[in-house]
Amino acid sequence: YVVIDSSGPDHAKTFTVEVHLNSNVIGTGKGRS
């Protein structure tokens, strides 16, 4: 799982994470943690 982006103020960030299977991206998700 790789965090590729985080946005927003420190107290309310939104994170974007990719899940890699070997070197291939197979899913992306966003959340408040």
Full PDB file with SEQRES, HELIX, SHEET, SSBOND, CRYST1, ORIGX, SCALE, CONECT and MASTER records, all heavy atoms in Angstrom:
SEQRES   1 A   33  TYR VAL VAL ILE ASP SER SER GLY PRO ASP HIS ALA LYS          
SEQRES   2 A   33  THR PHE THR VAL GLU VAL HIS LEU ASN SER ASN VAL ILE          
SEQRES   3 A   33  GLY THR GLY LYS GLY ARG SER                                  
HELIX    1 AA1 ASP A   10  ALA A   12  5                                   3    
SHEET    1 AA1 3 VAL A   2  SER A   7  0                                        
SHEET    2 AA1 3 THR A  14  LEU A  21 -1                                        
SHEET    3 AA1 3 ASN A  24  GLY A  31 -1                                        
CRYST1    1.000    1.000    1.000  90.00  90.00  90.00 P 1           1          
ORIGX1      1.000000  0.000000  0.000000        0.00000                         
ORIGX2      0.000000  1.000000  0.000000        0.00000                         
ORIGX3      0.000000  0.000000  1.000000        0.00000                         
SCALE1      1.000000  0.000000  0.000000        0.00000                         
SCALE2      0.000000  1.000000  0.000000        0.00000                         
SCALE3      0.000000  0.000000  1.000000        0.00000                         
ATOM      1  N   TYR A   1       0.847  -1.185   0.000  1.00  0.00           N  
ATOM      2  CA  TYR A   1       0.000   0.000   0.000  1.00  0.00           C  
ATOM      3  C   TYR A   1       0.887   1.241   0.000  1.00  0.00           C  
ATOM      4  O   TYR A   1       1.790   1.363   0.832  1.00  0.00           O  
ATOM      5  CB  TYR A   1      -0.928   0.002   1.213  1.00  0.00           C  
ATOM      6  CG  TYR A   1      -1.946  -1.114   1.168  1.00  0.00           C  
ATOM      7  CD1 TYR A   1      -1.660  -2.366   1.705  1.00  0.00           C  
ATOM      8  CD2 TYR A   1      -3.181  -0.923   0.557  1.00  0.00           C  
ATOM      9  CE1 TYR A   1      -2.581  -3.400   1.639  1.00  0.00           C  
ATOM     10  CE2 TYR A   1      -4.122  -1.948   0.488  1.00  0.00           C  
ATOM     11  CZ  TYR A   1      -3.808  -3.183   1.027  1.00  0.00           C  
ATOM     12  OH  TYR A   1      -4.730  -4.205   0.949  1.00  0.00           O  
ATOM     13  N   VAL A   2       0.637   2.143  -0.951  1.00  0.00           N  
ATOM     14  CA  VAL A   2       1.485   3.320  -1.137  1.00  0.00           C  
ATOM     15  C   VAL A   2       0.628   4.584  -1.091  1.00  0.00           C  
ATOM     16  O   VAL A   2      -0.357   4.711  -1.842  1.00  0.00           O  
ATOM     17  CB  VAL A   2       2.228   3.262  -2.491  1.00  0.00           C  
ATOM     18  CG1 VAL A   2       3.108   4.499  -2.663  1.00  0.00           C  
ATOM     19  CG2 VAL A   2       3.049   1.983  -2.592  1.00  0.00           C  
ATOM     20  N   VAL A   3       0.981   5.505  -0.197  1.00  0.00           N  
ATOM     21  CA  VAL A   3       0.291   6.800  -0.141  1.00  0.00           C  
ATOM     22  C   VAL A   3       0.826   7.661  -1.277  1.00  0.00           C  
ATOM     23  O   VAL A   3       2.020   7.962  -1.339  1.00  0.00           O  
ATOM     24  CB  VAL A   3       0.536   7.516   1.203  1.00  0.00           C  
ATOM     25  CG1 VAL A   3      -0.140   8.887   1.211  1.00  0.00           C  
ATOM     26  CG2 VAL A   3       0.022   6.676   2.369  1.00  0.00           C  
ATOM     27  N   ILE A   4      -0.050   8.048  -2.199  1.00  0.00           N  
ATOM     28  CA  ILE A   4       0.403   8.838  -3.353  1.00  0.00           C  
ATOM     29  C   ILE A   4       0.026  10.313  -3.232  1.00  0.00           C  
ATOM     30  O   ILE A   4       0.540  11.148  -3.969  1.00  0.00           O  
ATOM     31  CB  ILE A   4      -0.153   8.262  -4.675  1.00  0.00           C  
ATOM     32  CG1 ILE A   4      -1.679   8.289  -4.682  1.00  0.00           C  
ATOM     33  CG2 ILE A   4       0.395   6.855  -4.919  1.00  0.00           C  
ATOM     34  CD1 ILE A   4      -2.277   7.989  -6.051  1.00  0.00           C  
ATOM     35  N   ASP A   5      -0.879  10.628  -2.280  1.00  0.00           N  
ATOM     36  CA  ASP A   5      -1.267  12.029  -2.136  1.00  0.00           C  
ATOM     37  C   ASP A   5      -1.953  12.241  -0.792  1.00  0.00           C  
ATOM     38  O   ASP A   5      -2.567  11.322  -0.242  1.00  0.00           O  
ATOM     39  CB  ASP A   5      -2.233  12.435  -3.266  1.00  0.00           C  
ATOM     40  CG  ASP A   5      -2.552  13.929  -3.246  1.00  0.00           C  
ATOM     41  OD1 ASP A   5      -1.605  14.723  -3.084  1.00  0.00           O  
ATOM     42  OD2 ASP A   5      -3.737  14.289  -3.373  1.00  0.00           O  
ATOM     43  N   SER A   6      -1.790  13.447  -0.266  1.00  0.00           N  
ATOM     44  CA  SER A   6      -2.548  13.861   0.917  1.00  0.00           C  
ATOM     45  C   SER A   6      -2.871  15.340   0.737  1.00  0.00           C  
ATOM     46  O   SER A   6      -2.029  16.114   0.309  1.00  0.00           O  
ATOM     47  CB  SER A   6      -1.751  13.633   2.204  1.00  0.00           C  
ATOM     48  OG  SER A   6      -0.574  14.408   2.221  1.00  0.00           O  
ATOM     49  N   SER A   7      -4.102  15.703   1.049  1.00  0.00           N  
ATOM     50  CA  SER A   7      -4.525  17.081   0.846  1.00  0.00           C  
ATOM     51  C   SER A   7      -5.371  17.548   2.019  1.00  0.00           C  
ATOM     52  O   SER A   7      -5.897  16.745   2.787  1.00  0.00           O  
ATOM     53  CB  SER A   7      -5.327  17.208  -0.455  1.00  0.00           C  
ATOM     54  OG  SER A   7      -6.467  16.363  -0.415  1.00  0.00           O  
ATOM     55  N   GLY A   8      -5.480  18.860   2.150  1.00  0.00           N  
ATOM     56  CA  GLY A   8      -6.280  19.437   3.222  1.00  0.00           C  
ATOM     57  C   GLY A   8      -5.426  19.836   4.408  1.00  0.00           C  
ATOM     58  O   GLY A   8      -4.238  19.498   4.484  1.00  0.00           O  
ATOM     59  N   PRO A   9      -6.017  20.557   5.370  1.00  0.00           N  
ATOM     60  CA  PRO A   9      -5.279  20.988   6.566  1.00  0.00           C  
ATOM     61  C   PRO A   9      -4.889  19.800   7.425  1.00  0.00           C  
ATOM     62  O   PRO A   9      -5.466  18.711   7.305  1.00  0.00           O  
ATOM     63  CB  PRO A   9      -6.289  21.890   7.291  1.00  0.00           C  
ATOM     64  CG  PRO A   9      -7.625  21.420   6.806  1.00  0.00           C  
ATOM     65  CD  PRO A   9      -7.417  21.006   5.388  1.00  0.00           C  
ATOM     66  N   ASP A  10      -3.921  20.008   8.316  1.00  0.00           N  
ATOM     67  CA  ASP A  10      -3.396  18.919   9.140  1.00  0.00           C  
ATOM     68  C   ASP A  10      -4.484  18.210   9.932  1.00  0.00           C  
ATOM     69  O   ASP A  10      -4.419  16.999  10.143  1.00  0.00           O  
ATOM     70  CB  ASP A  10      -2.329  19.449  10.108  1.00  0.00           C  
ATOM     71  CG  ASP A  10      -1.044  19.858   9.392  1.00  0.00           C  
ATOM     72  OD1 ASP A  10      -0.859  19.417   8.241  1.00  0.00           O  
ATOM     73  OD2 ASP A  10      -0.243  20.597   9.974  1.00  0.00           O  
ATOM     74  N   HIS A  11      -5.474  18.942  10.406  1.00  0.00           N  
ATOM     75  CA  HIS A  11      -6.501  18.341  11.258  1.00  0.00           C  
ATOM     76  C   HIS A  11      -7.593  17.642  10.452  1.00  0.00           C  
ATOM     77  O   HIS A  11      -8.459  16.982  11.040  1.00  0.00           O  
ATOM     78  CB  HIS A  11      -7.138  19.418  12.155  1.00  0.00           C  
ATOM     79  CG  HIS A  11      -7.917  20.443  11.403  1.00  0.00           C  
ATOM     80  ND1 HIS A  11      -7.318  21.542  10.823  1.00  0.00           N  
ATOM     81  CD2 HIS A  11      -9.241  20.538  11.108  1.00  0.00           C  
ATOM     82  CE1 HIS A  11      -8.250  22.266  10.230  1.00  0.00           C  
ATOM     83  NE2 HIS A  11      -9.417  21.685  10.388  1.00  0.00           N  
ATOM     84  N   ALA A  12      -7.589  17.760   9.123  1.00  0.00           N  
ATOM     85  CA  ALA A  12      -8.655  17.149   8.316  1.00  0.00           C  
ATOM     86  C   ALA A  12      -8.125  16.736   6.950  1.00  0.00           C  
ATOM     87  O   ALA A  12      -8.668  17.114   5.911  1.00  0.00           O  
ATOM     88  CB  ALA A  12      -9.821  18.119   8.173  1.00  0.00           C  
ATOM     89  N   LYS A  13      -7.070  15.962   6.943  1.00  0.00           N  
ATOM     90  CA  LYS A  13      -6.454  15.547   5.680  1.00  0.00           C  
ATOM     91  C   LYS A  13      -7.268  14.458   4.992  1.00  0.00           C  
ATOM     92  O   LYS A  13      -7.980  13.682   5.644  1.00  0.00           O  
ATOM     93  CB  LYS A  13      -5.032  15.026   5.936  1.00  0.00           C  
ATOM     94  CG  LYS A  13      -3.992  16.118   6.095  1.00  0.00           C  
ATOM     95  CD  LYS A  13      -2.597  15.519   6.102  1.00  0.00           C  
ATOM     96  CE  LYS A  13      -1.533  16.603   6.188  1.00  0.00           C  
ATOM     97  NZ  LYS A  13      -1.554  17.501   5.024  1.00  0.00           N  
ATOM     98  N   THR A  14      -7.155  14.408   3.674  1.00  0.00           N  
ATOM     99  CA  THR A  14      -7.688  13.315   2.870  1.00  0.00           C  
ATOM    100  C   THR A  14      -6.503  12.619   2.206  1.00  0.00           C  
ATOM    101  O   THR A  14      -5.668  13.265   1.575  1.00  0.00           O  
ATOM    102  CB  THR A  14      -8.655  13.830   1.784  1.00  0.00           C  
ATOM    103  OG1 THR A  14      -9.781  14.429   2.424  1.00  0.00           O  
ATOM    104  CG2 THR A  14      -9.136  12.683   0.897  1.00  0.00           C  
ATOM    105  N   PHE A  15      -6.440  11.302   2.376  1.00  0.00           N  
ATOM    106  CA  PHE A  15      -5.318  10.525   1.844  1.00  0.00           C  
ATOM    107  C   PHE A  15      -5.769   9.720   0.627  1.00  0.00           C  
ATOM    108  O   PHE A  15      -6.894   9.226   0.571  1.00  0.00           O  
ATOM    109  CB  PHE A  15      -4.780   9.562   2.903  1.00  0.00           C  
ATOM    110  CG  PHE A  15      -4.177  10.246   4.103  1.00  0.00           C  
ATOM    111  CD1 PHE A  15      -4.954  10.565   5.203  1.00  0.00           C  
ATOM    112  CD2 PHE A  15      -2.829  10.585   4.124  1.00  0.00           C  
ATOM    113  CE1 PHE A  15      -4.412  11.194   6.305  1.00  0.00           C  
ATOM    114  CE2 PHE A  15      -2.276  11.217   5.227  1.00  0.00           C  
ATOM    115  CZ  PHE A  15      -3.068  11.527   6.315  1.00  0.00           C  
ATOM    116  N   THR A  16      -4.856   9.610  -0.353  1.00  0.00           N  
ATOM    117  CA  THR A  16      -5.076   8.757  -1.518  1.00  0.00           C  
ATOM    118  C   THR A  16      -4.017   7.662  -1.496  1.00  0.00           C  
ATOM    119  O   THR A  16      -2.820   7.946  -1.400  1.00  0.00           O  
ATOM    120  CB  THR A  16      -4.968   9.554  -2.828  1.00  0.00           C  
ATOM    121  OG1 THR A  16      -5.905  10.628  -2.804  1.00  0.00           O  
ATOM    122  CG2 THR A  16      -5.256   8.657  -4.033  1.00  0.00           C  
ATOM    123  N   VAL A  17      -4.476   6.421  -1.561  1.00  0.00           N  
ATOM    124  CA  VAL A  17      -3.581   5.269  -1.442  1.00  0.00           C  
ATOM    125  C   VAL A  17      -3.787   4.338  -2.635  1.00  0.00           C  
ATOM    126  O   VAL A  17      -4.921   4.110  -3.071  1.00  0.00           O  
ATOM    127  CB  VAL A  17      -3.851   4.499  -0.126  1.00  0.00           C  
ATOM    128  CG1 VAL A  17      -3.104   3.170  -0.109  1.00  0.00           C  
ATOM    129  CG2 VAL A  17      -3.445   5.336   1.078  1.00  0.00           C  
ATOM    130  N   GLU A  18      -2.686   3.819  -3.159  1.00  0.00           N  
ATOM    131  CA  GLU A  18      -2.734   2.780  -4.192  1.00  0.00           C  
ATOM    132  C   GLU A  18      -2.302   1.459  -3.576  1.00  0.00           C  
ATOM    133  O   GLU A  18      -1.426   1.427  -2.708  1.00  0.00           O  
ATOM    134  CB  GLU A  18      -1.781   3.111  -5.343  1.00  0.00           C  
ATOM    135  CG  GLU A  18      -2.214   4.273  -6.220  1.00  0.00           C  
ATOM    136  CD  GLU A  18      -1.222   4.548  -7.342  1.00  0.00           C  
ATOM    137  OE1 GLU A  18      -0.077   4.034  -7.280  1.00  0.00           O  
ATOM    138  OE2 GLU A  18      -1.595   5.292  -8.268  1.00  0.00           O  
ATOM    139  N   VAL A  19      -2.923   0.380  -4.019  1.00  0.00           N  
ATOM    140  CA  VAL A  19      -2.455  -0.944  -3.644  1.00  0.00           C  
ATOM    141  C   VAL A  19      -1.788  -1.554  -4.871  1.00  0.00           C  
ATOM    142  O   VAL A  19      -2.355  -1.560  -5.966  1.00  0.00           O  
ATOM    143  CB  VAL A  19      -3.601  -1.840  -3.111  1.00  0.00           C  
ATOM    144  CG1 VAL A  19      -4.728  -1.992  -4.102  1.00  0.00           C  
ATOM    145  CG2 VAL A  19      -3.045  -3.205  -2.710  1.00  0.00           C  
ATOM    146  N   HIS A  20      -0.555  -1.996  -4.673  1.00  0.00           N  
ATOM    147  CA  HIS A  20       0.245  -2.551  -5.774  1.00  0.00           C  
ATOM    148  C   HIS A  20       0.335  -4.063  -5.637  1.00  0.00           C  
ATOM    149  O   HIS A  20       0.647  -4.567  -4.550  1.00  0.00           O  
ATOM    150  CB  HIS A  20       1.666  -1.970  -5.757  1.00  0.00           C  
ATOM    151  CG  HIS A  20       1.710  -0.501  -6.021  1.00  0.00           C  
ATOM    152  ND1 HIS A  20       2.898   0.192  -6.187  1.00  0.00           N  
ATOM    153  CD2 HIS A  20       0.727   0.435  -6.158  1.00  0.00           C  
ATOM    154  CE1 HIS A  20       2.641   1.474  -6.402  1.00  0.00           C  
ATOM    155  NE2 HIS A  20       1.323   1.634  -6.384  1.00  0.00           N  
ATOM    156  N   LEU A  21       0.104  -4.758  -6.720  1.00  0.00           N  
ATOM    157  CA  LEU A  21       0.359  -6.192  -6.796  1.00  0.00           C  
ATOM    158  C   LEU A  21       1.653  -6.337  -7.572  1.00  0.00           C  
ATOM    159  O   LEU A  21       1.695  -6.068  -8.770  1.00  0.00           O  
ATOM    160  CB  LEU A  21      -0.792  -6.919  -7.503  1.00  0.00           C  
ATOM    161  CG  LEU A  21      -0.576  -8.426  -7.752  1.00  0.00           C  
ATOM    162  CD1 LEU A  21      -0.358  -9.166  -6.449  1.00  0.00           C  
ATOM    163  CD2 LEU A  21      -1.756  -9.010  -8.521  1.00  0.00           C  
ATOM    164  N   ASN A  22       2.703  -6.719  -6.862  1.00  0.00           N  
ATOM    165  CA  ASN A  22       4.051  -6.649  -7.402  1.00  0.00           C  
ATOM    166  C   ASN A  22       4.298  -5.185  -7.794  1.00  0.00           C  
ATOM    167  O   ASN A  22       4.309  -4.323  -6.942  1.00  0.00           O  
ATOM    168  CB  ASN A  22       4.239  -7.636  -8.553  1.00  0.00           C  
ATOM    169  CG  ASN A  22       4.016  -9.073  -8.083  1.00  0.00           C  
ATOM    170  OD1 ASN A  22       4.362  -9.409  -6.952  1.00  0.00           O  
ATOM    171  ND2 ASN A  22       3.426  -9.885  -8.935  1.00  0.00           N  
ATOM    172  N   SER A  23       4.395  -4.855  -9.073  1.00  0.00           N  
ATOM    173  CA  SER A  23       4.626  -3.453  -9.455  1.00  0.00           C  
ATOM    174  C   SER A  23       3.411  -2.830 -10.129  1.00  0.00           C  
ATOM    175  O   SER A  23       3.477  -1.700 -10.612  1.00  0.00           O  
ATOM    176  CB  SER A  23       5.836  -3.357 -10.398  1.00  0.00           C  
ATOM    177  OG  SER A  23       5.620  -4.137 -11.559  1.00  0.00           O  
ATOM    178  N   ASN A  24       2.297  -3.548 -10.142  1.00  0.00           N  
ATOM    179  CA  ASN A  24       1.107  -3.075 -10.851  1.00  0.00           C  
ATOM    180  C   ASN A  24       0.064  -2.517  -9.887  1.00  0.00           C  
ATOM    181  O   ASN A  24      -0.221  -3.119  -8.844  1.00  0.00           O  
ATOM    182  CB  ASN A  24       0.479  -4.224 -11.654  1.00  0.00           C  
ATOM    183  CG  ASN A  24       1.448  -4.793 -12.677  1.00  0.00           C  
ATOM    184  OD1 ASN A  24       2.065  -4.038 -13.419  1.00  0.00           O  
ATOM    185  ND2 ASN A  24       1.580  -6.115 -12.707  1.00  0.00           N  
ATOM    186  N   VAL A  25      -0.509  -1.374 -10.251  1.00  0.00           N  
ATOM    187  CA  VAL A  25      -1.573  -0.775  -9.448  1.00  0.00           C  
ATOM    188  C   VAL A  25      -2.871  -1.531  -9.722  1.00  0.00           C  
ATOM    189  O   VAL A  25      -3.324  -1.623 -10.866  1.00  0.00           O  
ATOM    190  CB  VAL A  25      -1.766   0.718  -9.794  1.00  0.00           C  
ATOM    191  CG1 VAL A  25      -2.921   1.304  -8.978  1.00  0.00           C  
ATOM    192  CG2 VAL A  25      -0.490   1.492  -9.539  1.00  0.00           C  
ATOM    193  N   ILE A  26      -3.479  -2.082  -8.656  1.00  0.00           N  
ATOM    194  CA  ILE A  26      -4.717  -2.835  -8.852  1.00  0.00           C  
ATOM    195  C   ILE A  26      -5.899  -2.202  -8.117  1.00  0.00           C  
ATOM    196  O   ILE A  26      -7.017  -2.707  -8.200  1.00  0.00           O  
ATOM    197  CB  ILE A  26      -4.553  -4.302  -8.394  1.00  0.00           C  
ATOM    198  CG1 ILE A  26      -4.152  -4.371  -6.913  1.00  0.00           C  
ATOM    199  CG2 ILE A  26      -3.543  -5.022  -9.276  1.00  0.00           C  
ATOM    200  CD1 ILE A  26      -4.174  -5.799  -6.358  1.00  0.00           C  
ATOM    201  N   GLY A  27      -5.625  -1.099  -7.418  1.00  0.00           N  
ATOM    202  CA  GLY A  27      -6.731  -0.430  -6.722  1.00  0.00           C  
ATOM    203  C   GLY A  27      -6.283   0.899  -6.139  1.00  0.00           C  
ATOM    204  O   GLY A  27      -5.117   1.066  -5.782  1.00  0.00           O  
ATOM    205  N   THR A  28      -7.213   1.833  -6.075  1.00  0.00           N  
ATOM    206  CA  THR A  28      -6.943   3.153  -5.495  1.00  0.00           C  
ATOM    207  C   THR A  28      -8.088   3.511  -4.549  1.00  0.00           C  
ATOM    208  O   THR A  28      -9.250   3.227  -4.840  1.00  0.00           O  
ATOM    209  CB  THR A  28      -6.839   4.232  -6.590  1.00  0.00           C  
ATOM    210  OG1 THR A  28      -5.829   3.864  -7.524  1.00  0.00           O  
ATOM    211  CG2 THR A  28      -6.482   5.584  -5.976  1.00  0.00           C  
ATOM    212  N   GLY A  29      -7.732   4.127  -3.428  1.00  0.00           N  
ATOM    213  CA  GLY A  29      -8.763   4.508  -2.471  1.00  0.00           C  
ATOM    214  C   GLY A  29      -8.463   5.841  -1.812  1.00  0.00           C  
ATOM    215  O   GLY A  29      -7.305   6.258  -1.731  1.00  0.00           O  
ATOM    216  N   LYS A  30      -9.509   6.521  -1.350  1.00  0.00           N  
ATOM    217  CA  LYS A  30      -9.368   7.779  -0.627  1.00  0.00           C  
ATOM    218  C   LYS A  30     -10.082   7.672   0.708  1.00  0.00           C  
ATOM    219  O   LYS A  30     -11.070   6.951   0.842  1.00  0.00           O  
ATOM    220  CB  LYS A  30      -9.955   8.943  -1.422  1.00  0.00           C  
ATOM    221  CG  LYS A  30      -9.163   9.326  -2.661  1.00  0.00           C  
ATOM    222  CD  LYS A  30      -9.728  10.588  -3.297  1.00  0.00           C  
ATOM    223  CE  LYS A  30      -8.884  11.014  -4.498  1.00  0.00           C  
ATOM    224  NZ  LYS A  30      -9.366  12.284  -5.087  1.00  0.00           N  
ATOM    225  N   GLY A  31      -9.579   8.412   1.702  1.00  0.00           N  
ATOM    226  CA  GLY A  31     -10.225   8.400   3.008  1.00  0.00           C  
ATOM    227  C   GLY A  31      -9.643   9.451   3.918  1.00  0.00           C  
ATOM    228  O   GLY A  31      -8.601  10.041   3.631  1.00  0.00           O  
ATOM    229  N   ARG A  32     -10.341   9.677   5.051  1.00  0.00           N  
ATOM    230  CA  ARG A  32      -9.893  10.679   6.005  1.00  0.00           C  
ATOM    231  C   ARG A  32      -8.770  10.177   6.900  1.00  0.00           C  
ATOM    232  O   ARG A  32      -8.264  10.894   7.747  1.00  0.00           O  
ATOM    233  CB  ARG A  32     -11.079  11.142   6.855  1.00  0.00           C  
ATOM    234  CG  ARG A  32     -12.048  12.022   6.075  1.00  0.00           C  
ATOM    235  CD  ARG A  32     -13.287  12.323   6.874  1.00  0.00           C  
ATOM    236  NE  ARG A  32     -14.124  11.136   7.017  1.00  0.00           N  
ATOM    237  CZ  ARG A  32     -15.273  11.122   7.685  1.00  0.00           C  
ATOM    238  NH1 ARG A  32     -15.697  12.199   8.297  1.00  0.00           N  
ATOM    239  NH2 ARG A  32     -15.998  10.024   7.746  1.00  0.00           N  
ATOM    240  N   SER A  33      -8.389   8.927   6.718  1.00  0.00           N  
ATOM    241  CA  SER A  33      -7.203   8.381   7.374  1.00  0.00           C  
ATOM    242  C   SER A  33      -6.561   7.401   6.399  1.00  0.00           C  
ATOM    243  O   SER A  33      -7.202   6.944   5.446  1.00  0.00           O  
ATOM    244  CB  SER A  33      -7.570   7.670   8.683  1.00  0.00           C  
ATOM    245  OG  SER A  33      -8.245   6.447   8.409  1.00  0.00           O  
TER     246      SER A  33                                                      
MASTER        0    0    0    1    3    0    0    6  245    1    0    3          
END                                                                             
